[in-house]
PDB file of N, CA and C in Angstrom:
ATOM      1  N   MET A   1      15.968  -7.993   7.049  1.00  0.00           N
ATOM      2  CA  MET A   1      15.293  -8.100   7.897  1.00  0.00           C
ATOM      3  C   MET A   1      14.680  -9.313   7.816  1.00  0.00           C
ATOM      4  N   LYS A   2      13.791  -9.982   8.446  1.00  0.00           N
ATOM      5  CA  LYS A   2      13.414 -11.080   8.340  1.00  0.00           C
ATOM      6  C   LYS A   2      11.727 -10.950   7.646  1.00  0.00           C
ATOM      7  N   ASP A   3      11.793 -11.949   6.509  1.00  0.00           N
ATOM      8  CA  ASP A   3      10.284 -11.854   6.294  1.00  0.00           C
ATOM      9  C   ASP A   3       9.372 -12.686   6.991  1.00  0.00           C
ATOM     10  N   THR A   4       7.931 -12.219   7.453  1.00  0.00           N
ATOM     11  CA  THR A   4       7.174 -13.205   8.025  1.00  0.00           C
ATOM     12  C   THR A   4       5.995 -13.503   7.249  1.00  0.00           C
ATOM     13  N   ALA A   5       5.257 -14.398   7.792  1.00  0.00           N
ATOM     14  CA  ALA A   5       3.948 -14.663   7.164  1.00  0.00           C
ATOM     15  C   ALA A   5       2.715 -13.610   7.062  1.00  0.00           C
ATOM     16  N   PHE A   6       3.140 -12.633   8.098  1.00  0.00           N
ATOM     17  CA  PHE A   6       1.899 -11.476   8.123  1.00  0.00           C
ATOM     18  C   PHE A   6       2.602 -10.581   6.738  1.00  0.00           C
ATOM     19  N   ALA A   7       3.894 -10.561   6.693  1.00  0.00           N
ATOM     20  CA  ALA A   7       4.216  -9.416   5.497  1.00  0.00           C
ATOM     21  C   ALA A   7       3.801 -10.075   4.264  1.00  0.00           C
ATOM     22  N   ALA A   8       3.943 -11.334   3.854  1.00  0.00           N
ATOM     23  CA  ALA A   8       3.663 -12.091   2.876  1.00  0.00           C
ATOM     24  C   ALA A   8       2.179 -11.932   2.694  1.00  0.00           C
ATOM     25  N   HIS A   9       1.366 -11.848   3.651  1.00  0.00           N
ATOM     26  CA  HIS A   9      -0.101 -11.989   3.147  1.00  0.00           C
ATOM     27  C   HIS A   9      -0.593 -10.465   2.762  1.00  0.00           C
ATOM     28  N   VAL A  10       0.112  -9.704   3.666  1.00  0.00           N
ATOM     29  CA  VAL A  10      -0.243  -8.044   2.982  1.00  0.00           C
ATOM     30  C   VAL A  10       0.281  -7.787   1.821  1.00  0.00           C
ATOM     31  N   ARG A  11       1.367  -8.393   1.311  1.00  0.00           N
ATOM     32  CA  ARG A  11       1.759  -7.897  -0.100  1.00  0.00           C
ATOM     33  C   ARG A  11       0.876  -8.725  -0.760  1.00  0.00           C
ATOM     34  N   ASP A  12       0.308  -9.828  -0.519  1.00  0.00           N
ATOM     35  CA  ASP A  12      -0.601 -10.951  -1.310  1.00  0.00           C
ATOM     36  C   ASP A  12      -2.151  -9.999  -1.688  1.00  0.00           C
ATOM     37  N   ILE A  13      -2.393  -9.378  -0.462  1.00  0.00           N
ATOM     38  CA  ILE A  13      -3.811  -8.565  -0.443  1.00  0.00           C
ATOM     39  C   ILE A  13      -3.425  -7.220  -0.935  1.00  0.00           C
ATOM     40  N   VAL A  14      -2.309  -6.776  -1.105  1.00  0.00           N
ATOM     41  CA  VAL A  14      -1.857  -5.490  -1.759  1.00  0.00           C
ATOM     42  C   VAL A  14      -2.137  -5.704  -3.456  1.00  0.00           C
ATOM     43  N   ARG A  15      -1.347  -6.669  -3.672  1.00  0.00           N
ATOM     44  CA  ARG A  15      -1.757  -7.355  -5.443  1.00  0.00           C
ATOM     45  C   ARG A  15      -3.143  -7.069  -5.890  1.00  0.00           C
ATOM     46  N   GLN A  16      -4.022  -7.601  -4.726  1.00  0.00           N
ATOM     47  CA  GLN A  16      -5.307  -7.616  -5.340  1.00  0.00           C
ATOM     48  C   GLN A  16      -6.019  -6.340  -5.386  1.00  0.00           C
ATOM     49  N   ILE A  17      -5.388  -5.327  -4.839  1.00  0.00           N
ATOM     50  CA  ILE A  17      -5.850  -4.192  -5.037  1.00  0.00           C
ATOM     51  C   ILE A  17      -6.225  -3.474  -6.555  1.00  0.00           C
ATOM     52  N   PRO A  18      -7.423  -3.559  -7.051  1.00  0.00           N
ATOM     53  CA  PRO A  18      -7.365  -3.439  -8.568  1.00  0.00           C
ATOM     54  C   PRO A  18      -6.701  -1.691  -9.151  1.00  0.00           C
ATOM     55  N   LYS A  19      -6.389  -1.604 -10.097  1.00  0.00           N
ATOM     56  CA  LYS A  19      -5.949  -0.772 -10.752  1.00  0.00           C
ATOM     57  C   LYS A  19      -7.195   0.408 -10.631  1.00  0.00           C
ATOM     58  N   GLY A  20      -6.732   1.713 -10.312  1.00  0.00           N
ATOM     59  CA  GLY A  20      -7.729   2.866 -10.147  1.00  0.00           C
ATOM     60  C   GLY A  20      -8.198   2.944  -8.814  1.00  0.00           C
ATOM     61  N   GLN A  21      -7.836   1.808  -7.952  1.00  0.00           N
ATOM     62  CA  GLN A  21      -8.465   1.995  -6.513  1.00  0.00           C
ATOM     63  C   GLN A  21      -7.364   2.198  -5.677  1.00  0.00           C
ATOM     64  N   THR A  22      -7.796   2.439  -4.347  1.00  0.00           N
ATOM     65  CA  THR A  22      -6.762   2.563  -3.163  1.00  0.00           C
ATOM     66  C   THR A  22      -7.522   1.838  -1.953  1.00  0.00           C
ATOM     67  N   ARG A  23      -6.284   1.509  -1.042  1.00  0.00           N
ATOM     68  CA  ARG A  23      -7.060   0.987   0.303  1.00  0.00           C
ATOM     69  C   ARG A  23      -6.329   1.581   1.350  1.00  0.00           C
ATOM     70  N   THR A  24      -6.631   2.094   2.467  1.00  0.00           N
ATOM     71  CA  THR A  24      -5.751   2.622   3.528  1.00  0.00           C
ATOM     72  C   THR A  24      -5.012   1.531   4.279  1.00  0.00           C
ATOM     73  N   TYR A  25      -3.968   1.987   4.902  1.00  0.00           N
ATOM     74  CA  TYR A  25      -3.174   1.011   5.429  1.00  0.00           C
ATOM     75  C   TYR A  25      -3.910   0.258   6.494  1.00  0.00           C
ATOM     76  N   GLY A  26      -4.738   0.641   7.172  1.00  0.00           N
ATOM     77  CA  GLY A  26      -5.878   0.464   7.988  1.00  0.00           C
ATOM     78  C   GLY A  26      -6.494  -0.866   7.478  1.00  0.00           C
ATOM     79  N   GLU A  27      -7.146  -0.499   5.945  1.00  0.00           N
ATOM     80  CA  GLU A  27      -8.165  -1.425   5.461  1.00  0.00           C
ATOM     81  C   GLU A  27      -7.504  -2.780   5.184  1.00  0.00           C
ATOM     82  N   VAL A  28      -6.019  -2.465   4.667  1.00  0.00           N
ATOM     83  CA  VAL A  28      -5.167  -3.800   4.184  1.00  0.00           C
ATOM     84  C   VAL A  28      -4.988  -4.394   5.626  1.00  0.00           C
ATOM     85  N   ALA A  29      -4.390  -3.693   7.024  1.00  0.00           N
ATOM     86  CA  ALA A  29      -4.249  -4.399   8.018  1.00  0.00           C
ATOM     87  C   ALA A  29      -5.517  -5.383   8.368  1.00  0.00           C
ATOM     88  N   ALA A  30      -6.847  -4.544   8.179  1.00  0.00           N
ATOM     89  CA  ALA A  30      -7.711  -5.433   8.800  1.00  0.00           C
ATOM     90  C   ALA A  30      -8.176  -6.713   7.610  1.00  0.00           C
ATOM     91  N   ALA A  31      -7.765  -6.316   6.110  1.00  0.00           N
ATOM     92  CA  ALA A  31      -7.876  -7.494   5.345  1.00  0.00           C
ATOM     93  C   ALA A  31      -6.745  -8.616   6.273  1.00  0.00           C
ATOM     94  N   ALA A  32      -5.941  -8.582   6.531  1.00  0.00           N
ATOM     95  CA  ALA A  32      -5.133  -9.311   6.765  1.00  0.00           C
ATOM     96  C   ALA A  32      -5.354  -9.705   8.439  1.00  0.00           C
ATOM     97  N   GLY A  33      -6.235  -9.622   8.818  1.00  0.00           N
ATOM     98  CA  GLY A  33      -6.500 -10.511  10.032  1.00  0.00           C
ATOM     99  C   GLY A  33      -6.016  -9.638  11.501  1.00  0.00           C
ATOM    100  N   HIS A  34      -5.564  -8.165  11.377  1.00  0.00           N
ATOM    101  CA  HIS A  34      -4.774  -7.750  12.215  1.00  0.00           C
ATOM    102  C   HIS A  34      -5.320  -6.005  12.137  1.00  0.00           C
ATOM    103  N   PRO A  35      -6.449  -5.878  12.487  1.00  0.00           N
ATOM    104  CA  PRO A  35      -6.893  -4.405  12.067  1.00  0.00           C
ATOM    105  C   PRO A  35      -6.100  -3.074  12.653  1.00  0.00           C
ATOM    106  N   GLY A  36      -5.259  -3.469  14.065  1.00  0.00           N
ATOM    107  CA  GLY A  36      -4.359  -2.865  14.726  1.00  0.00           C
ATOM    108  C   GLY A  36      -3.326  -2.471  14.021  1.00  0.00           C
ATOM    109  N   ALA A  37      -2.907  -3.066  13.094  1.00  0.00           N
ATOM    110  CA  ALA A  37      -1.662  -3.215  12.584  1.00  0.00           C
ATOM    111  C   ALA A  37      -1.176  -2.091  11.177  1.00  0.00           C
ATOM    112  N   ALA A  38      -1.842  -1.139  11.406  1.00  0.00           N
ATOM    113  CA  ALA A  38      -1.684  -0.237   9.897  1.00  0.00           C
ATOM    114  C   ALA A  38      -0.647   0.096  10.177  1.00  0.00           C
ATOM    115  N   ARG A  39       0.405   0.818  11.096  1.00  0.00           N
ATOM    116  CA  ARG A  39       1.875   1.285  10.898  1.00  0.00           C
ATOM    117  C   ARG A  39       2.618  -0.016  10.691  1.00  0.00           C
ATOM    118  N   ALA A  40       2.224  -1.490  10.710  1.00  0.00           N
ATOM    119  CA  ALA A  40       3.186  -2.403  10.715  1.00  0.00           C
ATOM    120  C   ALA A  40       2.925  -2.558   8.708  1.00  0.00           C
ATOM    121  N   VAL A  41       1.586  -2.377   8.252  1.00  0.00           N
ATOM    122  CA  VAL A  41       1.553  -2.260   7.039  1.00  0.00           C
ATOM    123  C   VAL A  41       2.291  -1.103   6.129  1.00  0.00           C
ATOM    124  N   GLY A  42       2.484  -0.033   6.932  1.00  0.00           N
ATOM    125  CA  GLY A  42       3.164   0.919   6.228  1.00  0.00           C
ATOM    126  C   GLY A  42       4.921   0.636   6.208  1.00  0.00           C
ATOM    127  N   SER A  43       4.979  -0.179   7.299  1.00  0.00           N
ATOM    128  CA  SER A  43       6.430  -0.569   7.165  1.00  0.00           C
ATOM    129  C   SER A  43       6.568  -1.767   6.156  1.00  0.00           C
ATOM    130  N   ILE A  44       5.965  -2.648   5.962  1.00  0.00           N
ATOM    131  CA  ILE A  44       6.312  -3.648   5.046  1.00  0.00           C
ATOM    132  C   ILE A  44       5.967  -2.943   3.622  1.00  0.00           C
ATOM    133  N   MET A  45       5.100  -2.002   3.194  1.00  0.00           N
ATOM    134  CA  MET A  45       5.017  -1.077   2.201  1.00  0.00           C
ATOM    135  C   MET A  45       6.504  -0.282   1.915  1.00  0.00           C
ATOM    136  N   LYS A  46       6.858   0.006   2.641  1.00  0.00           N
ATOM    137  CA  LYS A  46       8.143   1.020   2.744  1.00  0.00           C
ATOM    138  C   LYS A  46       9.231  -0.150   2.284  1.00  0.00           C
ATOM    139  N   ARG A  47       9.485  -0.942   2.482  1.00  0.00           N
ATOM    140  CA  ARG A  47      10.391  -2.017   2.306  1.00  0.00           C
ATOM    141  C   ARG A  47      10.077  -2.887   0.972  1.00  0.00           C
ATOM    142  N   ASN A  48       9.077  -2.358   0.292  1.00  0.00           N
ATOM    143  CA  ASN A  48       8.299  -3.466  -0.988  1.00  0.00           C
ATOM    144  C   ASN A  48       9.077  -2.791  -2.260  1.00  0.00           C
ATOM    145  N   TYR A  49       9.780  -3.426  -2.905  1.00  0.00           N
ATOM    146  CA  TYR A  49      10.668  -3.223  -4.157  1.00  0.00           C
ATOM    147  C   TYR A  49      10.462  -3.924  -5.164  1.00  0.00           C
ATOM    148  N   ASP A  50       9.132  -4.954  -5.253  1.00  0.00           N
ATOM    149  CA  ASP A  50       8.866  -5.838  -6.160  1.00  0.00           C
ATOM    150  C   ASP A  50       7.669  -5.078  -6.879  1.00  0.00           C
ATOM    151  N   PRO A  51       7.792  -4.859  -8.010  1.00  0.00           N
ATOM    152  CA  PRO A  51       6.777  -4.209  -8.961  1.00  0.00           C
ATOM    153  C   PRO A  51       5.617  -5.095  -9.177  1.00  0.00           C
ATOM    154  N   ALA A  52       5.340  -6.171  -8.783  1.00  0.00           N
ATOM    155  CA  ALA A  52       4.447  -7.039  -8.590  1.00  0.00           C
ATOM    156  C   ALA A  52       3.341  -6.581  -7.736  1.00  0.00           C
ATOM    157  N   VAL A  53       3.912  -5.985  -6.567  1.00  0.00           N
ATOM    158  CA  VAL A  53       3.001  -5.476  -5.393  1.00  0.00           C
ATOM    159  C   VAL A  53       3.003  -3.869  -5.738  1.00  0.00           C
ATOM    160  N   PRO A  54       1.573  -3.323  -6.064  1.00  0.00           N
ATOM    161  CA  PRO A  54       1.610  -2.016  -6.362  1.00  0.00           C
ATOM    162  C   PRO A  54       1.294  -1.601  -4.789  1.00  0.00           C
ATOM    163  N   CYS A  55       2.601  -1.314  -4.267  1.00  0.00           N
ATOM    164  CA  CYS A  55       2.318  -0.444  -2.655  1.00  0.00           C
ATOM    165  C   CYS A  55       1.986   0.943  -3.052  1.00  0.00           C
ATOM    166  N   HIS A  56       1.678   1.590  -4.332  1.00  0.00           N
ATOM    167  CA  HIS A  56       1.313   2.612  -4.277  1.00  0.00           C
ATOM    168  C   HIS A  56      -0.139   2.910  -4.248  1.00  0.00           C
ATOM    169  N   ARG A  57      -0.975   1.950  -4.358  1.00  0.00           N
ATOM    170  CA  ARG A  57      -2.231   1.994  -3.984  1.00  0.00           C
ATOM    171  C   ARG A  57      -2.817   1.827  -2.524  1.00  0.00           C
ATOM    172  N   VAL A  58      -1.895   1.763  -1.808  1.00  0.00           N
ATOM    173  CA  VAL A  58      -2.201   2.193  -0.308  1.00  0.00           C
ATOM    174  C   VAL A  58      -1.819   3.365   0.071  1.00  0.00           C
ATOM    175  N   VAL A  59      -3.003   3.916   0.653  1.00  0.00           N
ATOM    176  CA  VAL A  59      -2.445   5.389   1.151  1.00  0.00           C
ATOM    177  C   VAL A  59      -3.219   5.474   2.477  1.00  0.00           C
ATOM    178  N   ARG A  60      -2.873   6.843   3.100  1.00  0.00           N
ATOM    179  CA  ARG A  60      -3.351   7.119   4.497  1.00  0.00           C
ATOM    180  C   ARG A  60      -4.625   6.985   4.927  1.00  0.00           C
ATOM    181  N   ALA A  61      -5.567   6.913   6.147  1.00  0.00           N
ATOM    182  CA  ALA A  61      -6.925   7.148   6.368  1.00  0.00           C
ATOM    183  C   ALA A  61      -7.218   8.290   6.053  1.00  0.00           C
ATOM    184  N   ASP A  62      -6.538   9.324   6.242  1.00  0.00           N
ATOM    185  CA  ASP A  62      -6.936  10.965   5.691  1.00  0.00           C
ATOM    186  C   ASP A  62      -7.175  10.773   4.041  1.00  0.00           C
ATOM    187  N   GLY A  63      -6.734   9.940   3.520  1.00  0.00           N
ATOM    188  CA  GLY A  63      -7.176  10.122   1.973  1.00  0.00           C
ATOM    189  C   GLY A  63      -5.768  10.810   1.408  1.00  0.00           C
ATOM    190  N   SER A  64      -4.749  11.429   1.952  1.00  0.00           N
ATOM    191  CA  SER A  64      -3.345  11.699   1.337  1.00  0.00           C
ATOM    192  C   SER A  64      -2.776  10.596   1.029  1.00  0.00           C
ATOM    193  N   VAL A  65      -1.817  10.291   0.091  1.00  0.00           N
ATOM    194  CA  VAL A  65      -1.348   9.565  -0.636  1.00  0.00           C
ATOM    195  C   VAL A  65       0.057   9.251   0.565  1.00  0.00           C
ATOM    196  N   GLY A  66       0.823   9.853   1.211  1.00  0.00           N
ATOM    197  CA  GLY A  66       1.558   9.457   2.065  1.00  0.00           C
ATOM    198  C   GLY A  66       2.890   9.359   1.276  1.00  0.00           C
ATOM    199  N   ARG A  67       3.899   8.554   1.781  1.00  0.00           N
ATOM    200  CA  ARG A  67       5.189   8.648   1.332  1.00  0.00           C
ATOM    201  C   ARG A  67       5.069   7.683   0.131  1.00  0.00           C
ATOM    202  N   TYR A  68       6.237   7.321  -0.505  1.00  0.00           N
ATOM    203  CA  TYR A  68       6.359   6.518  -1.543  1.00  0.00           C
ATOM    204  C   TYR A  68       8.186   6.122  -1.623  1.00  0.00           C
ATOM    205  N   ASN A  69       8.155   4.792  -1.677  1.00  0.00           N
ATOM    206  CA  ASN A  69       9.733   4.468  -1.475  1.00  0.00           C
ATOM    207  C   ASN A  69      10.288   4.740  -3.053  1.00  0.00           C
ATOM    208  N   ARG A  70       9.460   4.806  -4.020  1.00  0.00           N
ATOM    209  CA  ARG A  70      10.099   4.833  -5.350  1.00  0.00           C
ATOM    210  C   ARG A  70       9.568   6.043  -6.349  1.00  0.00           C
ATOM    211  N   GLY A  71      10.331   7.088  -5.515  1.00  0.00           N
ATOM    212  CA  GLY A  71      10.086   8.283  -5.843  1.00  0.00           C
ATOM    213  C   GLY A  71       9.383   9.467  -5.161  1.00  0.00           C
ATOM    214  N   GLY A  72       9.018   9.281  -4.233  1.00  0.00           N
ATOM    215  CA  GLY A  72       8.433  10.315  -3.424  1.00  0.00           C
ATOM    216  C   GLY A  72       6.969  10.218  -3.617  1.00  0.00           C
ATOM    217  N   SER A  73       6.229  11.242  -2.626  1.00  0.00           N
ATOM    218  CA  SER A  73       4.705  11.268  -2.648  1.00  0.00           C
ATOM    219  C   SER A  73       4.406  11.888  -4.112  1.00  0.00           C
ATOM    220  N   ARG A  74       4.859  12.597  -4.676  1.00  0.00           N
ATOM    221  CA  ARG A  74       4.541  13.238  -5.822  1.00  0.00           C
ATOM    222  C   ARG A  74       4.195  12.422  -6.909  1.00  0.00           C
ATOM    223  N   LYS A  75       5.487  11.076  -6.920  1.00  0.00           N
ATOM    224  CA  LYS A  75       5.344  10.003  -7.831  1.00  0.00           C
ATOM    225  C   LYS A  75       4.263   9.185  -7.601  1.00  0.00           C
ATOM    226  N   LYS A  76       3.894   9.206  -6.379  1.00  0.00           N
ATOM    227  CA  LYS A  76       3.201   8.262  -6.105  1.00  0.00           C
ATOM    228  C   LYS A  76       1.584   8.779  -6.521  1.00  0.00           C
ATOM    229  N   ARG A  77       1.352  10.169  -6.137  1.00  0.00           N
ATOM    230  CA  ARG A  77       0.181  10.792  -6.518  1.00  0.00           C
ATOM    231  C   ARG A  77      -0.077  10.565  -8.342  1.00  0.00           C
ATOM    232  N   ALA A  78       1.281  10.669  -9.124  1.00  0.00           N
ATOM    233  CA  ALA A  78       1.327  10.690 -10.290  1.00  0.00           C
ATOM    234  C   ALA A  78       0.687   9.171 -10.755  1.00  0.00           C
ATOM    235  N   LEU A  79       1.298   8.270 -10.364  1.00  0.00           N
ATOM    236  CA  LEU A  79       0.889   6.884 -10.655  1.00  0.00           C
ATOM    237  C   LEU A  79      -0.764   6.452 -10.415  1.00  0.00           C
ATOM    238  N   LEU A  80      -1.410   7.052  -9.338  1.00  0.00           N
ATOM    239  CA  LEU A  80      -2.450   6.933  -8.737  1.00  0.00           C
ATOM    240  C   LEU A  80      -3.339   7.797  -9.946  1.00  0.00           C
ATOM    241  N   ALA A  81      -2.899   8.968  -9.952  1.00  0.00           N
ATOM    242  CA  ALA A  81      -3.605   9.749 -11.051  1.00  0.00           C
ATOM    243  C   ALA A  81      -3.555   9.129 -12.673  1.00  0.00           C
ATOM    244  N   GLU A  82      -2.385   8.429 -12.879  1.00  0.00           N
ATOM    245  CA  GLU A  82      -2.478   7.508 -14.229  1.00  0.00           C
ATOM    246  C   GLU A  82      -3.587   6.636 -14.320  1.00  0.00           C
ATOM    247  N   GLU A  83      -3.780   6.165 -13.117  1.00  0.00           N
ATOM    248  CA  GLU A  83      -4.625   4.579 -13.353  1.00  0.00           C
ATOM    249  C   GLU A  83      -6.102   5.144 -12.881  1.00  0.00           C
ATOM    250  N   GLY A  84      -6.301   6.459 -12.686  1.00  0.00           N
ATOM    251  CA  GLY A  84      -7.681   6.769 -12.664  1.00  0.00           C
ATOM    252  C   GLY A  84      -8.459   6.726 -11.190  1.00  0.00           C
ATOM    253  N   ALA A  85      -7.363   6.806 -10.061  1.00  0.00           N
ATOM    254  CA  ALA A  85      -7.816   6.572  -9.040  1.00  0.00           C
ATOM    255  C   ALA A  85      -8.274   8.348  -8.326  1.00  0.00           C
ATOM    256  N   PHE A  86      -8.088   9.222  -8.930  1.00  0.00           N
ATOM    257  CA  PHE A  86      -8.604  10.317  -8.519  1.00  0.00           C
ATOM    258  C   PHE A  86      -9.457  10.992  -9.667  1.00  0.00           C
ATOM    259  N   ALA A  87     -10.560  11.429  -9.057  1.00  0.00           N
ATOM    260  CA  ALA A  87     -11.607  12.101 -10.298  1.00  0.00           C
ATOM    261  C   ALA A  87     -11.182  13.387 -10.729  1.00  0.00           C
TER     262      ALA A  87
END
């Protein structure tokens, strides 16, 4: 699949999410200048295997962790817990 400027921008935004914090797919889309593109952000994160892009820090609007392409939602929740994202 062809990489786009939007996808590169999304990955740059996700790289800036501090450890111990999360952003929703919608928040990332809005930060990228496309507030209606939450599903596109999800697709970009689904295809991300770059460890420098902490895609586990992007969660659903309802606060649930959603899926994770490197070990499932259980792994995603564990990574977030290790980082202190959950009280």
